[in-house]
Amino acid sequence: MRIGFVGLGTMGAPMAGRLLEAGHDVTVHNRTREREAPLEALGARRAASPRECARDRELVITMVSDTPDVQAVVLGEEGAVEGMERGSMLIDMSTISPATTRLIAAALNDHGVAMLDAPVSGGSEGAERGTLSIMVGGEASDLERVRSVLAVLGKTVTHVGPIGSGQVTKAINQVILAGTYAAIAEGLALGLAAGIDIEAAHAAVSGGAAGSWGLTNRGPNMIHNHYPLGFRTRLHRKDLGIALGAARELGVAIPLAAYVEQLETSLIKRGFGDEDVSNIARVVREQAGLAEEA
């Protein structure tokens, strides 16, 4: 398929690379243009703008940081919509506001362009391995048109409802992730403070009812107080802001998510915003009076 891919960050670059490896004809664009070079070496064409990236493409995928960024690359000056043909499709795989997603979809519809919102979970590892969980909002028939493309990127591709539903589902994911990481951090801090063999304890609880992806894959970060990038803290804080906004609109109390958002805000102010989001354990460890590293 002829695909335009806009946004080549921690997630977008490996995703675009997988599409190239699968044999798709891919044109790429990124605001920081040097990030296009490694994809060009793999066979992608480079475009100077989202509009150029979308020209003569059956499908355009956007994977950028925040709601205003999606609005800009899709509907702004030199936006993708200006290069897209009637009958083509845009899939936004960013994590943004559900309400804004619906507005963007309506604007694209006026141009005869279909849209799916398809945010993902699985971190940079999932992007590199093609094992992401993809949550898709939009028309089911539109999803079937591009399911084979999404299958290159994700292990699970789930249709969750009309346009905007993917973003609501991602908000659920991020709220649950916030609580999970906070609980893992507290549990491991308890073991560290008790002076037990924390590696053995981690293995033991990972095999029981407390076992989870986060405990297995991010527990070691928290034990050693070292947080190599999987998903940036500042981006998760942004996602929690979206979830909290949706919760306010719906009258749903999510106090645990609000607490974790405050922890992440403090970490970002201290310069830790580009570490993996599991670094909320930094705060838990500090409150427990634990040494810098186990």
C-alpha atoms as a PDB file:
ATOM      1  CA  MET A   1       0.000   0.000   0.000  1.00  0.00           C
ATOM      2  CA  ARG A   2       1.113   3.601  -0.598  1.00  0.00           C
ATOM      3  CA  ILE A   3       1.492   5.046   2.907  1.00  0.00           C
ATOM      4  CA  GLY A   4       2.500   8.447   4.254  1.00  0.00           C
ATOM      5  CA  PHE A   5       3.859   8.401   7.810  1.00  0.00           C
ATOM      6  CA  VAL A   6       4.084  11.644   9.813  1.00  0.00           C
ATOM      7  CA  GLY A   7       5.920  11.601  13.148  1.00  0.00           C
ATOM      8  CA  LEU A   8       9.162   9.668  13.643  1.00  0.00           C
ATOM      9  CA  GLY A   9       9.743   9.780  17.377  1.00  0.00           C
ATOM     10  CA  THR A  10      10.403   6.944  19.801  1.00  0.00           C
ATOM     11  CA  MET A  11       7.290   5.114  18.617  1.00  0.00           C
ATOM     12  CA  GLY A  12       6.808   6.379  15.077  1.00  0.00           C
ATOM     13  CA  ALA A  13      10.261   5.618  13.682  1.00  0.00           C
ATOM     14  CA  PRO A  14      10.207   1.857  14.417  1.00  0.00           C
ATOM     15  CA  MET A  15       6.588   1.645  13.270  1.00  0.00           C
ATOM     16  CA  ALA A  16       7.438   3.235   9.926  1.00  0.00           C
ATOM     17  CA  GLY A  17      10.427   0.908   9.673  1.00  0.00           C
ATOM     18  CA  ARG A  18       8.217  -2.138  10.138  1.00  0.00           C
ATOM     19  CA  LEU A  19       5.924  -0.981   7.336  1.00  0.00           C
ATOM     20  CA  LEU A  20       8.922  -0.650   5.039  1.00  0.00           C
ATOM     21  CA  GLU A  21      10.152  -4.116   5.983  1.00  0.00           C
ATOM     22  CA  ALA A  22       6.688  -5.483   5.196  1.00  0.00           C
ATOM     23  CA  GLY A  23       6.994  -4.186   1.636  1.00  0.00           C
ATOM     24  CA  HIS A  24       4.811  -1.080   1.765  1.00  0.00           C
ATOM     25  CA  ASP A  25       5.639   2.033  -0.274  1.00  0.00           C
ATOM     26  CA  VAL A  26       6.307   4.560   2.496  1.00  0.00           C
ATOM     27  CA  THR A  27       6.889   8.315   2.423  1.00  0.00           C
ATOM     28  CA  VAL A  28       7.911   9.898   5.735  1.00  0.00           C
ATOM     29  CA  HIS A  29       7.928  13.351   7.292  1.00  0.00           C
ATOM     30  CA  ASN A  30       9.091  14.597  10.669  1.00  0.00           C
ATOM     31  CA  ARG A  31       9.300  18.123  12.051  1.00  0.00           C
ATOM     32  CA  THR A  32      12.941  17.445  13.002  1.00  0.00           C
ATOM     33  CA  ARG A  33      13.980  16.499   9.489  1.00  0.00           C
ATOM     34  CA  GLU A  34      17.166  14.563  10.316  1.00  0.00           C
ATOM     35  CA  ARG A  35      15.022  11.818  11.857  1.00  0.00           C
ATOM     36  CA  GLU A  36      13.875  10.954   8.353  1.00  0.00           C
ATOM     37  CA  ALA A  37      17.359   9.882   7.246  1.00  0.00           C
ATOM     38  CA  PRO A  38      17.441   6.382   8.821  1.00  0.00           C
ATOM     39  CA  LEU A  39      14.093   5.580   7.189  1.00  0.00           C
ATOM     40  CA  GLU A  40      15.363   6.879   3.860  1.00  0.00           C
ATOM     41  CA  ALA A  41      18.256   4.427   4.198  1.00  0.00           C
ATOM     42  CA  LEU A  42      15.663   1.650   4.523  1.00  0.00           C
ATOM     43  CA  GLY A  43      13.908   2.742   1.329  1.00  0.00           C
ATOM     44  CA  ALA A  44      11.450   5.460   2.373  1.00  0.00           C
ATOM     45  CA  ARG A  45      10.987   8.685   0.469  1.00  0.00           C
ATOM     46  CA  ARG A  46      11.305  11.923   2.434  1.00  0.00           C
ATOM     47  CA  ALA A  47       8.718  14.712   2.281  1.00  0.00           C
ATOM     48  CA  ALA A  48       9.218  18.334   3.233  1.00  0.00           C
ATOM     49  CA  SER A  49       5.744  18.748   4.782  1.00  0.00           C
ATOM     50  CA  PRO A  50       2.727  16.708   5.875  1.00  0.00           C
ATOM     51  CA  ARG A  51       0.959  17.860   2.709  1.00  0.00           C
ATOM     52  CA  GLU A  52       3.750  16.502   0.525  1.00  0.00           C
ATOM     53  CA  CYS A  53       3.887  13.322   2.609  1.00  0.00           C
ATOM     54  CA  ALA A  54       0.166  12.736   1.958  1.00  0.00           C
ATOM     55  CA  ARG A  55       0.268  13.351  -1.783  1.00  0.00           C
ATOM     56  CA  ASP A  56      -0.616  10.254  -3.851  1.00  0.00           C
ATOM     57  CA  ARG A  57      -0.957   8.140  -0.698  1.00  0.00           C
ATOM     58  CA  GLU A  58      -3.823   5.733  -0.098  1.00  0.00           C
ATOM     59  CA  LEU A  59      -3.250   5.938   3.638  1.00  0.00           C
ATOM     60  CA  VAL A  60      -1.650   8.516   5.939  1.00  0.00           C
ATOM     61  CA  ILE A  61      -0.616   7.598   9.487  1.00  0.00           C
ATOM     62  CA  THR A  62       0.110  10.257  12.097  1.00  0.00           C
ATOM     63  CA  MET A  63       2.068   9.508  15.273  1.00  0.00           C
ATOM     64  CA  VAL A  64       2.863  12.788  17.040  1.00  0.00           C
ATOM     65  CA  SER A  65       2.962  14.006  20.622  1.00  0.00           C
ATOM     66  CA  ASP A  66      -0.203  15.886  21.506  1.00  0.00           C
ATOM     67  CA  THR A  67      -3.592  17.195  20.399  1.00  0.00           C
ATOM     68  CA  PRO A  68      -2.343  20.504  18.917  1.00  0.00           C
ATOM     69  CA  ASP A  69       0.357  18.625  16.980  1.00  0.00           C
ATOM     70  CA  VAL A  70      -2.213  16.371  15.320  1.00  0.00           C
ATOM     71  CA  GLN A  71      -4.370  19.357  14.451  1.00  0.00           C
ATOM     72  CA  ALA A  72      -1.367  21.089  12.910  1.00  0.00           C
ATOM     73  CA  VAL A  73      -0.054  18.169  10.831  1.00  0.00           C
ATOM     74  CA  VAL A  74      -3.517  17.212   9.603  1.00  0.00           C
ATOM     75  CA  LEU A  75      -5.478  20.457   9.238  1.00  0.00           C
ATOM     76  CA  GLY A  76      -2.903  23.224   9.567  1.00  0.00           C
ATOM     77  CA  GLU A  77      -0.946  25.120   6.932  1.00  0.00           C
ATOM     78  CA  GLU A  78       0.700  22.505   4.679  1.00  0.00           C
ATOM     79  CA  GLY A  79      -1.344  19.901   6.569  1.00  0.00           C
ATOM     80  CA  ALA A  80      -1.907  16.379   5.302  1.00  0.00           C
ATOM     81  CA  VAL A  81      -5.510  17.041   4.316  1.00  0.00           C
ATOM     82  CA  GLU A  82      -4.297  19.379   1.576  1.00  0.00           C
ATOM     83  CA  GLY A  83      -2.471  16.518  -0.121  1.00  0.00           C
ATOM     84  CA  MET A  84      -4.999  13.733   0.396  1.00  0.00           C
ATOM     85  CA  GLU A  85      -7.342  12.507  -2.317  1.00  0.00           C
ATOM     86  CA  ARG A  86     -11.019  11.702  -1.908  1.00  0.00           C
ATOM     87  CA  GLY A  87     -11.410   8.086  -0.872  1.00  0.00           C
ATOM     88  CA  SER A  88      -8.111   7.947   0.997  1.00  0.00           C
ATOM     89  CA  MET A  89      -7.817   7.418   4.762  1.00  0.00           C
ATOM     90  CA  LEU A  90      -6.005   8.887   7.729  1.00  0.00           C
ATOM     91  CA  ILE A  91      -5.193   6.871  10.851  1.00  0.00           C
ATOM     92  CA  ASP A  92      -4.139   8.883  13.867  1.00  0.00           C
ATOM     93  CA  MET A  93      -2.141   6.633  16.199  1.00  0.00           C
ATOM     94  CA  SER A  94      -1.227   9.448  18.596  1.00  0.00           C
ATOM     95  CA  THR A  95      -2.856   9.821  22.001  1.00  0.00           C
ATOM     96  CA  ILE A  96      -5.047  12.929  21.961  1.00  0.00           C
ATOM     97  CA  SER A  97      -8.391  14.349  23.080  1.00  0.00           C
ATOM     98  CA  PRO A  98     -11.419  12.250  22.029  1.00  0.00           C
ATOM     99  CA  ALA A  99     -13.434  15.428  21.391  1.00  0.00           C
ATOM    100  CA  THR A 100     -10.760  16.888  19.112  1.00  0.00           C
ATOM    101  CA  THR A 101     -10.477  13.546  17.322  1.00  0.00           C
ATOM    102  CA  ARG A 102     -14.146  13.792  16.407  1.00  0.00           C
ATOM    103  CA  LEU A 103     -13.686  17.358  15.136  1.00  0.00           C
ATOM    104  CA  ILE A 104     -10.722  16.333  12.968  1.00  0.00           C
ATOM    105  CA  ALA A 105     -12.700  13.389  11.580  1.00  0.00           C
ATOM    106  CA  ALA A 106     -15.571  15.702  10.634  1.00  0.00           C
ATOM    107  CA  ALA A 107     -13.199  18.076   8.832  1.00  0.00           C
ATOM    108  CA  LEU A 108     -11.627  15.182   6.930  1.00  0.00           C
ATOM    109  CA  ASN A 109     -15.047  13.849   6.022  1.00  0.00           C
ATOM    110  CA  ASP A 110     -15.810  17.188   4.362  1.00  0.00           C
ATOM    111  CA  HIS A 111     -12.845  16.457   2.075  1.00  0.00           C
ATOM    112  CA  GLY A 112     -13.996  12.907   1.356  1.00  0.00           C
ATOM    113  CA  VAL A 113     -11.296  11.391   3.572  1.00  0.00           C
ATOM    114  CA  ALA A 114     -12.078   8.651   6.120  1.00  0.00           C
ATOM    115  CA  MET A 115     -10.458   8.577   9.555  1.00  0.00           C
ATOM    116  CA  LEU A 116      -9.715   6.036  12.249  1.00  0.00           C
ATOM    117  CA  ASP A 117      -8.321   6.890  15.675  1.00  0.00           C
ATOM    118  CA  ALA A 118      -5.996   4.056  16.669  1.00  0.00           C
ATOM    119  CA  PRO A 119      -3.832   4.843  19.712  1.00  0.00           C
ATOM    120  CA  VAL A 120      -1.500   2.132  20.918  1.00  0.00           C
ATOM    121  CA  SER A 121      -0.093   0.554  24.057  1.00  0.00           C
ATOM    122  CA  GLY A 122       3.098  -1.461  24.412  1.00  0.00           C
ATOM    123  CA  GLY A 123       5.895   1.095  24.556  1.00  0.00           C
ATOM    124  CA  SER A 124       8.944   1.356  22.354  1.00  0.00           C
ATOM    125  CA  GLU A 125       9.530  -2.398  22.680  1.00  0.00           C
ATOM    126  CA  GLY A 126       6.121  -3.076  21.170  1.00  0.00           C
ATOM    127  CA  ALA A 127       6.729  -0.596  18.354  1.00  0.00           C
ATOM    128  CA  GLU A 128      10.009  -2.275  17.467  1.00  0.00           C
ATOM    129  CA  ARG A 129       8.660  -5.833  17.683  1.00  0.00           C
ATOM    130  CA  GLY A 130       5.247  -5.220  16.126  1.00  0.00           C
ATOM    131  CA  THR A 131       3.463  -6.357  19.286  1.00  0.00           C
ATOM    132  CA  LEU A 132       1.487  -3.220  20.113  1.00  0.00           C
ATOM    133  CA  SER A 133      -2.097  -3.312  21.291  1.00  0.00           C
ATOM    134  CA  ILE A 134      -4.057  -1.096  18.890  1.00  0.00           C
ATOM    135  CA  MET A 135      -7.418   0.383  19.980  1.00  0.00           C
ATOM    136  CA  VAL A 136      -9.436   1.464  16.961  1.00  0.00           C
ATOM    137  CA  GLY A 137     -12.318   3.916  16.766  1.00  0.00           C
ATOM    138  CA  GLY A 138     -14.226   4.582  13.567  1.00  0.00           C
ATOM    139  CA  GLU A 139     -16.256   2.669  11.010  1.00  0.00           C
ATOM    140  CA  ALA A 140     -15.708  -1.090  11.131  1.00  0.00           C
ATOM    141  CA  SER A 141     -15.642  -1.212   7.318  1.00  0.00           C
ATOM    142  CA  ASP A 142     -12.814   1.336   7.266  1.00  0.00           C
ATOM    143  CA  LEU A 143     -10.833  -0.781   9.701  1.00  0.00           C
ATOM    144  CA  GLU A 144     -11.170  -3.808   7.440  1.00  0.00           C
ATOM    145  CA  ARG A 145      -9.645  -1.811   4.577  1.00  0.00           C
ATOM    146  CA  VAL A 146      -6.431  -1.321   6.552  1.00  0.00           C
ATOM    147  CA  ARG A 147      -6.401  -4.216   9.010  1.00  0.00           C
ATOM    148  CA  SER A 148      -3.482  -5.879   7.210  1.00  0.00           C
ATOM    149  CA  VAL A 149      -1.423  -2.696   7.650  1.00  0.00           C
ATOM    150  CA  LEU A 150      -2.192  -2.446  11.353  1.00  0.00           C
ATOM    151  CA  ALA A 151      -1.394  -6.142  11.771  1.00  0.00           C
ATOM    152  CA  VAL A 152       2.214  -5.312  10.855  1.00  0.00           C
ATOM    153  CA  LEU A 153       2.338  -2.946  13.832  1.00  0.00           C
ATOM    154  CA  GLY A 154       0.315  -4.707  16.482  1.00  0.00           C
ATOM    155  CA  LYS A 155      -0.341  -8.093  18.015  1.00  0.00           C
ATOM    156  CA  THR A 156      -3.933  -7.147  18.791  1.00  0.00           C
ATOM    157  CA  VAL A 157      -6.117  -4.835  16.702  1.00  0.00           C
ATOM    158  CA  THR A 158      -9.460  -4.221  18.402  1.00  0.00           C
ATOM    159  CA  HIS A 159     -12.401  -2.209  17.101  1.00  0.00           C
ATOM    160  CA  VAL A 160     -13.844  -0.447  20.153  1.00  0.00           C
ATOM    161  CA  GLY A 161     -16.581   1.732  18.639  1.00  0.00           C
ATOM    162  CA  PRO A 162     -17.196   4.934  16.647  1.00  0.00           C
ATOM    163  CA  ILE A 163     -14.620   7.631  16.028  1.00  0.00           C
ATOM    164  CA  GLY A 164     -13.068   8.850  19.288  1.00  0.00           C
ATOM    165  CA  SER A 165     -13.611   5.524  21.045  1.00  0.00           C
ATOM    166  CA  GLY A 166      -9.986   4.546  20.498  1.00  0.00           C
ATOM    167  CA  GLN A 167      -8.878   7.612  22.432  1.00  0.00           C
ATOM    168  CA  VAL A 168     -11.303   6.888  25.277  1.00  0.00           C
ATOM    169  CA  THR A 169      -9.960   3.336  25.439  1.00  0.00           C
ATOM    170  CA  LYS A 170      -6.388   4.655  25.546  1.00  0.00           C
ATOM    171  CA  ALA A 171      -7.394   6.931  28.423  1.00  0.00           C
ATOM    172  CA  ILE A 172      -8.626   3.841  30.284  1.00  0.00           C
ATOM    173  CA  ASN A 173      -5.292   2.159  29.553  1.00  0.00           C
ATOM    174  CA  GLN A 174      -3.281   5.076  30.909  1.00  0.00           C
ATOM    175  CA  VAL A 175      -5.365   5.366  34.063  1.00  0.00           C
ATOM    176  CA  ILE A 176      -4.887   1.665  34.795  1.00  0.00           C
ATOM    177  CA  LEU A 177      -1.180   1.939  34.011  1.00  0.00           C
ATOM    178  CA  ALA A 178      -0.836   4.837  36.444  1.00  0.00           C
ATOM    179  CA  GLY A 179      -2.359   2.846  39.284  1.00  0.00           C
ATOM    180  CA  THR A 180      -0.400  -0.283  38.409  1.00  0.00           C
ATOM    181  CA  TYR A 181       2.963   1.465  38.410  1.00  0.00           C
ATOM    182  CA  ALA A 182       2.177   3.271  41.658  1.00  0.00           C
ATOM    183  CA  ALA A 183       1.256  -0.023  43.329  1.00  0.00           C
ATOM    184  CA  ILE A 184       4.354  -1.807  42.012  1.00  0.00           C
ATOM    185  CA  ALA A 185       6.557   1.029  43.257  1.00  0.00           C
ATOM    186  CA  GLU A 186       5.020   0.884  46.737  1.00  0.00           C
ATOM    187  CA  GLY A 187       5.225  -2.895  46.968  1.00  0.00           C
ATOM    188  CA  LEU A 188       8.863  -3.029  45.927  1.00  0.00           C
ATOM    189  CA  ALA A 189       9.743  -0.149  48.255  1.00  0.00           C
ATOM    190  CA  LEU A 190       8.301  -2.202  51.107  1.00  0.00           C
ATOM    191  CA  GLY A 191      10.564  -5.131  50.214  1.00  0.00           C
ATOM    192  CA  LEU A 192      13.620  -2.934  49.813  1.00  0.00           C
ATOM    193  CA  ALA A 193      13.038  -1.297  53.182  1.00  0.00           C
ATOM    194  CA  ALA A 194      12.651  -4.728  54.809  1.00  0.00           C
ATOM    195  CA  GLY A 195      16.042  -5.772  53.455  1.00  0.00           C
ATOM    196  CA  ILE A 196      14.845  -9.040  51.910  1.00  0.00           C
ATOM    197  CA  ASP A 197      16.193 -10.520  48.661  1.00  0.00           C
ATOM    198  CA  ILE A 198      14.182  -8.192  46.453  1.00  0.00           C
ATOM    199  CA  GLU A 199      15.101  -9.973  43.206  1.00  0.00           C
ATOM    200  CA  ALA A 200      13.712 -13.240  44.605  1.00  0.00           C
ATOM    201  CA  ALA A 201      10.636 -11.458  45.923  1.00  0.00           C
ATOM    202  CA  HIS A 202      10.074  -9.863  42.507  1.00  0.00           C
ATOM    203  CA  ALA A 203      10.244 -13.273  40.825  1.00  0.00           C
ATOM    204  CA  ALA A 204       7.860 -14.757  43.388  1.00  0.00           C
ATOM    205  CA  VAL A 205       5.117 -12.153  43.062  1.00  0.00           C
ATOM    206  CA  SER A 206       5.506 -11.978  39.283  1.00  0.00           C
ATOM    207  CA  GLY A 207       4.384 -15.617  39.146  1.00  0.00           C
ATOM    208  CA  GLY A 208       1.290 -15.084  41.276  1.00  0.00           C
ATOM    209  CA  ALA A 209      -1.919 -13.076  41.235  1.00  0.00           C
ATOM    210  CA  ALA A 210       0.035  -9.783  41.338  1.00  0.00           C
ATOM    211  CA  GLY A 211       1.852 -10.644  38.121  1.00  0.00           C
ATOM    212  CA  SER A 212       1.541  -8.133  35.272  1.00  0.00           C
ATOM    213  CA  TRP A 213       3.387  -6.758  32.249  1.00  0.00           C
ATOM    214  CA  GLY A 214       4.398  -3.746  34.312  1.00  0.00           C
ATOM    215  CA  LEU A 215       5.775  -5.812  37.182  1.00  0.00           C
ATOM    216  CA  THR A 216       7.756  -8.080  34.860  1.00  0.00           C
ATOM    217  CA  ASN A 217       9.086  -5.402  32.515  1.00  0.00           C
ATOM    218  CA  ARG A 218       9.347  -2.330  34.750  1.00  0.00           C
ATOM    219  CA  GLY A 219       9.814  -3.810  38.217  1.00  0.00           C
ATOM    220  CA  PRO A 220      13.586  -4.145  37.648  1.00  0.00           C
ATOM    221  CA  ASN A 221      13.738  -0.413  36.830  1.00  0.00           C
ATOM    222  CA  MET A 222      12.193   0.361  40.185  1.00  0.00           C
ATOM    223  CA  ILE A 223      14.427  -2.051  42.089  1.00  0.00           C
ATOM    224  CA  HIS A 224      17.598  -0.458  40.703  1.00  0.00           C
ATOM    225  CA  ASN A 225      16.241   3.097  40.479  1.00  0.00           C
ATOM    226  CA  HIS A 226      17.262   3.271  36.826  1.00  0.00           C
ATOM    227  CA  TYR A 227      14.685   4.168  34.163  1.00  0.00           C
ATOM    228  CA  PRO A 228      15.792   3.581  30.555  1.00  0.00           C
ATOM    229  CA  LEU A 229      13.291   4.948  28.084  1.00  0.00           C
ATOM    230  CA  GLY A 230      10.254   2.905  27.185  1.00  0.00           C
ATOM    231  CA  PHE A 231       7.571   5.596  27.379  1.00  0.00           C
ATOM    232  CA  ARG A 232       8.377   9.140  28.456  1.00  0.00           C
ATOM    233  CA  THR A 233       7.034  10.402  31.771  1.00  0.00           C
ATOM    234  CA  ARG A 234       6.086  13.740  30.238  1.00  0.00           C
ATOM    235  CA  LEU A 235       3.972  11.992  27.607  1.00  0.00           C
ATOM    236  CA  HIS A 236       2.211   9.817  30.162  1.00  0.00           C
ATOM    237  CA  ARG A 237       1.484  12.942  32.229  1.00  0.00           C
ATOM    238  CA  LYS A 238      -0.021  14.461  29.063  1.00  0.00           C
ATOM    239  CA  ASP A 239      -2.150  11.336  28.577  1.00  0.00           C
ATOM    240  CA  LEU A 240      -3.373  11.473  32.179  1.00  0.00           C
ATOM    241  CA  GLY A 241      -4.361  15.094  31.583  1.00  0.00           C
ATOM    242  CA  ILE A 242      -6.540  13.906  28.690  1.00  0.00           C
ATOM    243  CA  ALA A 243      -8.052  11.173  30.872  1.00  0.00           C
ATOM    244  CA  LEU A 244      -8.724  13.603  33.731  1.00  0.00           C
ATOM    245  CA  GLY A 245     -10.378  16.040  31.329  1.00  0.00           C
ATOM    246  CA  ALA A 246     -12.657  13.307  29.988  1.00  0.00           C
ATOM    247  CA  ALA A 247     -13.431  12.190  33.544  1.00  0.00           C
ATOM    248  CA  ARG A 248     -14.467  15.721  34.519  1.00  0.00           C
ATOM    249  CA  GLU A 249     -16.774  15.943  31.510  1.00  0.00           C
ATOM    250  CA  LEU A 250     -18.384  12.623  32.452  1.00  0.00           C
ATOM    251  CA  GLY A 251     -18.514  13.262  36.198  1.00  0.00           C
ATOM    252  CA  VAL A 252     -16.276  10.285  37.014  1.00  0.00           C
ATOM    253  CA  ALA A 253     -13.871  10.495  39.978  1.00  0.00           C
ATOM    254  CA  ILE A 254     -10.406   9.044  39.251  1.00  0.00           C
ATOM    255  CA  PRO A 255      -8.375  10.206  42.290  1.00  0.00           C
ATOM    256  CA  LEU A 256      -5.545   7.694  41.874  1.00  0.00           C
ATOM    257  CA  ALA A 257      -4.858   8.980  38.357  1.00  0.00           C
ATOM    258  CA  ALA A 258      -4.885  12.545  39.697  1.00  0.00           C
ATOM    259  CA  TYR A 259      -2.348  11.581  42.378  1.00  0.00           C
ATOM    260  CA  VAL A 260       0.011   9.965  39.858  1.00  0.00           C
ATOM    261  CA  GLU A 261      -0.321  12.978  37.562  1.00  0.00           C
ATOM    262  CA  GLN A 262       0.951  15.126  40.448  1.00  0.00           C
ATOM    263  CA  LEU A 263       3.902  12.798  41.007  1.00  0.00           C
ATOM    264  CA  GLU A 264       4.771  12.977  37.314  1.00  0.00           C
ATOM    265  CA  THR A 265       4.463  16.753  37.281  1.00  0.00           C
ATOM    266  CA  SER A 266       7.015  16.969  40.096  1.00  0.00           C
ATOM    267  CA  LEU A 267       9.369  14.584  38.291  1.00  0.00           C
ATOM    268  CA  ILE A 268       9.151  16.624  35.092  1.00  0.00           C
ATOM    269  CA  LYS A 269       9.959  19.828  37.012  1.00  0.00           C
ATOM    270  CA  ARG A 270      13.026  18.081  38.435  1.00  0.00           C
ATOM    271  CA  GLY A 271      14.294  17.158  34.959  1.00  0.00           C
ATOM    272  CA  PHE A 272      13.141  13.537  34.801  1.00  0.00           C
ATOM    273  CA  GLY A 273      10.438  13.970  32.176  1.00  0.00           C
ATOM    274  CA  ASP A 274      12.296  12.066  29.466  1.00  0.00           C
ATOM    275  CA  GLU A 275      12.897   8.972  31.587  1.00  0.00           C
ATOM    276  CA  ASP A 276      10.576   5.978  31.449  1.00  0.00           C
ATOM    277  CA  VAL A 277       7.280   6.521  33.248  1.00  0.00           C
ATOM    278  CA  SER A 278       8.162   3.819  35.783  1.00  0.00           C
ATOM    279  CA  ASN A 279      10.271   6.518  37.418  1.00  0.00           C
ATOM    280  CA  ILE A 280       7.350   7.405  39.669  1.00  0.00           C
ATOM    281  CA  ALA A 281       9.186   4.908  41.891  1.00  0.00           C
ATOM    282  CA  ARG A 282      11.774   7.671  42.441  1.00  0.00           C
ATOM    283  CA  VAL A 283       9.261   9.550  44.569  1.00  0.00           C
ATOM    284  CA  VAL A 284       8.072   6.435  46.426  1.00  0.00           C
ATOM    285  CA  ARG A 285      11.675   5.456  47.217  1.00  0.00           C
ATOM    286  CA  GLU A 286      12.500   8.955  48.440  1.00  0.00           C
ATOM    287  CA  GLN A 287       9.462   8.994  50.709  1.00  0.00           C
ATOM    288  CA  ALA A 288      10.588   5.633  52.118  1.00  0.00           C
ATOM    289  CA  GLY A 289      14.103   6.955  52.798  1.00  0.00           C
ATOM    290  CA  LEU A 290      15.692   4.346  50.531  1.00  0.00           C
ATOM    291  CA  ALA A 291      19.191   4.592  49.112  1.00  0.00           C
ATOM    292  CA  GLU A 292      19.628   5.916  45.578  1.00  0.00           C
ATOM    293  CA  GLU A 293      20.213   2.393  44.209  1.00  0.00           C
ATOM    294  CA  ALA A 294      19.482  -1.089  45.541  1.00  0.00           C
END
